[in-house]
N, C-alpha and C. Protein backbone atom coordinates (compact mmCIF):
# COMPACT_ATOMS: atom_id res chain seq x y z
N MET A 1 -12.56 21.91 -26.77
CA MET A 1 -12.19 22.35 -25.44
C MET A 1 -11.04 23.36 -25.58
N SER A 2 -11.16 24.46 -24.90
CA SER A 2 -10.14 25.50 -24.99
C SER A 2 -8.91 25.09 -24.18
N THR A 3 -7.84 25.78 -24.44
CA THR A 3 -6.60 25.54 -23.72
C THR A 3 -6.78 25.76 -22.22
N GLU A 4 -7.55 26.78 -21.87
CA GLU A 4 -7.80 27.06 -20.46
C GLU A 4 -8.61 25.94 -19.81
N GLU A 5 -9.61 25.45 -20.53
CA GLU A 5 -10.42 24.34 -20.01
C GLU A 5 -9.57 23.08 -19.84
N GLU A 6 -8.71 22.84 -20.81
CA GLU A 6 -7.81 21.69 -20.72
C GLU A 6 -6.90 21.81 -19.50
N PHE A 7 -6.38 23.01 -19.29
CA PHE A 7 -5.50 23.25 -18.15
C PHE A 7 -6.21 22.90 -16.84
N TYR A 8 -7.45 23.41 -16.66
CA TYR A 8 -8.17 23.16 -15.42
C TYR A 8 -8.58 21.70 -15.28
N ARG A 9 -8.88 21.05 -16.39
CA ARG A 9 -9.22 19.62 -16.34
C ARG A 9 -8.01 18.80 -15.92
N VAL A 10 -6.86 19.08 -16.52
CA VAL A 10 -5.63 18.36 -16.16
C VAL A 10 -5.27 18.66 -14.70
N ARG A 11 -5.45 19.89 -14.28
CA ARG A 11 -5.17 20.26 -12.89
C ARG A 11 -6.05 19.47 -11.93
N ALA A 12 -7.34 19.37 -12.24
CA ALA A 12 -8.27 18.63 -11.40
C ALA A 12 -7.90 17.15 -11.34
N LEU A 13 -7.54 16.57 -12.47
CA LEU A 13 -7.13 15.16 -12.50
C LEU A 13 -5.84 14.95 -11.71
N SER A 14 -4.92 15.89 -11.84
CA SER A 14 -3.66 15.80 -11.10
C SER A 14 -3.90 15.88 -9.60
N ASP A 15 -4.76 16.78 -9.18
CA ASP A 15 -5.09 16.90 -7.75
C ASP A 15 -5.74 15.63 -7.24
N SER A 16 -6.63 15.06 -8.04
CA SER A 16 -7.31 13.82 -7.65
C SER A 16 -6.30 12.68 -7.51
N ALA A 17 -5.39 12.59 -8.46
CA ALA A 17 -4.36 11.55 -8.40
C ALA A 17 -3.48 11.72 -7.17
N ALA A 18 -3.14 12.95 -6.84
CA ALA A 18 -2.31 13.23 -5.66
C ALA A 18 -3.03 12.81 -4.38
N ARG A 19 -4.34 13.08 -4.31
CA ARG A 19 -5.12 12.66 -3.13
C ARG A 19 -5.14 11.15 -3.01
N ARG A 20 -5.36 10.47 -4.13
CA ARG A 20 -5.39 9.00 -4.11
C ARG A 20 -4.04 8.44 -3.67
N LEU A 21 -2.98 9.04 -4.13
CA LEU A 21 -1.64 8.58 -3.75
C LEU A 21 -1.41 8.75 -2.26
N ARG A 22 -1.88 9.85 -1.68
CA ARG A 22 -1.75 10.05 -0.23
C ARG A 22 -2.52 8.97 0.53
N VAL A 23 -3.71 8.63 0.05
CA VAL A 23 -4.51 7.58 0.69
C VAL A 23 -3.78 6.24 0.61
N ILE A 24 -3.23 5.93 -0.55
CA ILE A 24 -2.49 4.67 -0.72
C ILE A 24 -1.29 4.62 0.22
N ARG A 25 -0.55 5.70 0.29
CA ARG A 25 0.63 5.74 1.18
C ARG A 25 0.22 5.57 2.64
N TYR A 26 -0.88 6.19 3.03
CA TYR A 26 -1.37 6.03 4.40
C TYR A 26 -1.75 4.58 4.65
N GLN A 27 -2.46 3.97 3.72
CA GLN A 27 -2.87 2.58 3.89
C GLN A 27 -1.66 1.65 3.95
N GLN A 28 -0.64 1.91 3.14
CA GLN A 28 0.59 1.12 3.20
C GLN A 28 1.26 1.25 4.55
N ALA A 29 1.30 2.46 5.08
CA ALA A 29 1.91 2.68 6.40
C ALA A 29 1.14 1.92 7.48
N MET A 30 -0.18 1.94 7.40
CA MET A 30 -1.00 1.22 8.38
C MET A 30 -0.77 -0.29 8.27
N LEU A 31 -0.65 -0.79 7.04
CA LEU A 31 -0.38 -2.21 6.83
C LEU A 31 0.96 -2.60 7.44
N LEU A 32 1.98 -1.80 7.21
CA LEU A 32 3.30 -2.09 7.78
C LEU A 32 3.27 -2.05 9.30
N ARG A 33 2.52 -1.12 9.86
CA ARG A 33 2.39 -1.04 11.31
C ARG A 33 1.72 -2.31 11.86
N GLU A 34 0.68 -2.77 11.19
CA GLU A 34 -0.02 -3.97 11.64
C GLU A 34 0.86 -5.21 11.51
N ILE A 35 1.65 -5.28 10.45
CA ILE A 35 2.57 -6.42 10.29
C ILE A 35 3.61 -6.39 11.40
N ALA A 36 4.12 -5.21 11.72
CA ALA A 36 5.10 -5.08 12.81
C ALA A 36 4.48 -5.52 14.13
N GLU A 37 3.22 -5.16 14.36
CA GLU A 37 2.55 -5.58 15.59
C GLU A 37 2.37 -7.10 15.62
N MET A 38 2.03 -7.70 14.47
CA MET A 38 1.92 -9.17 14.41
C MET A 38 3.24 -9.82 14.79
N GLU A 39 4.33 -9.24 14.29
CA GLU A 39 5.65 -9.80 14.55
C GLU A 39 6.01 -9.70 16.03
N GLN A 40 5.48 -8.72 16.74
CA GLN A 40 5.76 -8.57 18.17
C GLN A 40 5.09 -9.67 18.99
N VAL A 41 3.96 -10.15 18.53
CA VAL A 41 3.21 -11.14 19.30
C VAL A 41 3.37 -12.56 18.79
N SER A 42 4.01 -12.73 17.63
CA SER A 42 4.23 -14.08 17.11
C SER A 42 5.61 -14.15 16.46
N SER A 43 5.99 -15.32 16.07
CA SER A 43 7.29 -15.49 15.44
C SER A 43 7.29 -14.88 14.04
N ARG A 44 8.47 -14.59 13.54
CA ARG A 44 8.60 -14.04 12.17
C ARG A 44 8.03 -15.02 11.17
N ARG A 45 8.32 -16.28 11.33
CA ARG A 45 7.82 -17.30 10.39
C ARG A 45 6.30 -17.30 10.36
N SER A 46 5.69 -17.20 11.52
CA SER A 46 4.23 -17.17 11.61
C SER A 46 3.68 -15.91 10.94
N THR A 47 4.32 -14.78 11.18
CA THR A 47 3.87 -13.51 10.58
C THR A 47 3.96 -13.58 9.07
N VAL A 48 5.08 -14.07 8.55
CA VAL A 48 5.24 -14.17 7.10
C VAL A 48 4.17 -15.09 6.53
N GLY A 49 3.89 -16.18 7.21
CA GLY A 49 2.84 -17.10 6.76
C GLY A 49 1.48 -16.43 6.73
N GLN A 50 1.19 -15.64 7.73
CA GLN A 50 -0.10 -14.93 7.78
C GLN A 50 -0.20 -13.91 6.65
N VAL A 51 0.88 -13.18 6.41
CA VAL A 51 0.89 -12.20 5.33
C VAL A 51 0.72 -12.90 3.99
N ALA A 52 1.40 -14.02 3.80
CA ALA A 52 1.28 -14.79 2.56
C ALA A 52 -0.16 -15.24 2.34
N LEU A 53 -0.77 -15.75 3.39
CA LEU A 53 -2.15 -16.21 3.29
C LEU A 53 -3.10 -15.06 2.96
N LEU A 54 -2.96 -13.94 3.65
CA LEU A 54 -3.84 -12.79 3.43
C LEU A 54 -3.74 -12.23 2.02
N HIS A 55 -2.55 -12.28 1.46
CA HIS A 55 -2.33 -11.67 0.15
C HIS A 55 -2.29 -12.70 -0.99
N ALA A 56 -2.57 -13.94 -0.65
CA ALA A 56 -2.62 -15.02 -1.65
C ALA A 56 -1.32 -15.09 -2.46
N VAL A 57 -0.20 -15.05 -1.74
CA VAL A 57 1.10 -15.20 -2.37
C VAL A 57 1.85 -16.33 -1.66
N THR A 58 2.93 -16.77 -2.27
CA THR A 58 3.71 -17.83 -1.65
C THR A 58 4.44 -17.30 -0.42
N HIS A 59 4.87 -18.21 0.41
CA HIS A 59 5.65 -17.84 1.60
C HIS A 59 6.91 -17.10 1.19
N ALA A 60 7.55 -17.60 0.11
CA ALA A 60 8.79 -16.96 -0.37
C ALA A 60 8.52 -15.54 -0.84
N ALA A 61 7.42 -15.31 -1.53
CA ALA A 61 7.09 -13.96 -1.99
C ALA A 61 6.83 -13.03 -0.82
N ALA A 62 6.12 -13.53 0.20
CA ALA A 62 5.85 -12.72 1.38
C ALA A 62 7.14 -12.42 2.13
N GLU A 63 8.03 -13.39 2.20
CA GLU A 63 9.31 -13.20 2.88
C GLU A 63 10.14 -12.15 2.13
N GLY A 64 10.16 -12.20 0.82
CA GLY A 64 10.91 -11.23 0.03
C GLY A 64 10.36 -9.84 0.15
N GLY A 65 9.03 -9.70 0.27
CA GLY A 65 8.42 -8.39 0.41
C GLY A 65 8.58 -7.80 1.80
N ALA A 66 8.90 -8.65 2.78
CA ALA A 66 9.02 -8.18 4.15
C ALA A 66 10.36 -7.52 4.43
N ARG A 67 11.28 -7.66 3.51
CA ARG A 67 12.62 -7.10 3.74
C ARG A 67 12.72 -5.70 3.31
């Protein structure tokens, strides 16, 4: 593979990685928005419990991630 081909291959992979990162950040933002909405309609303890259950983590881990 020539240097030019390598350059374009790395460029394509970099662009793909950047797109995936934007999708992940968007999904994280949507998750945080939904958690905030849950907290508006239920108690914090209930919300943390729901997040823990959904993500198969302990209540303490969910509480630590919510801060």
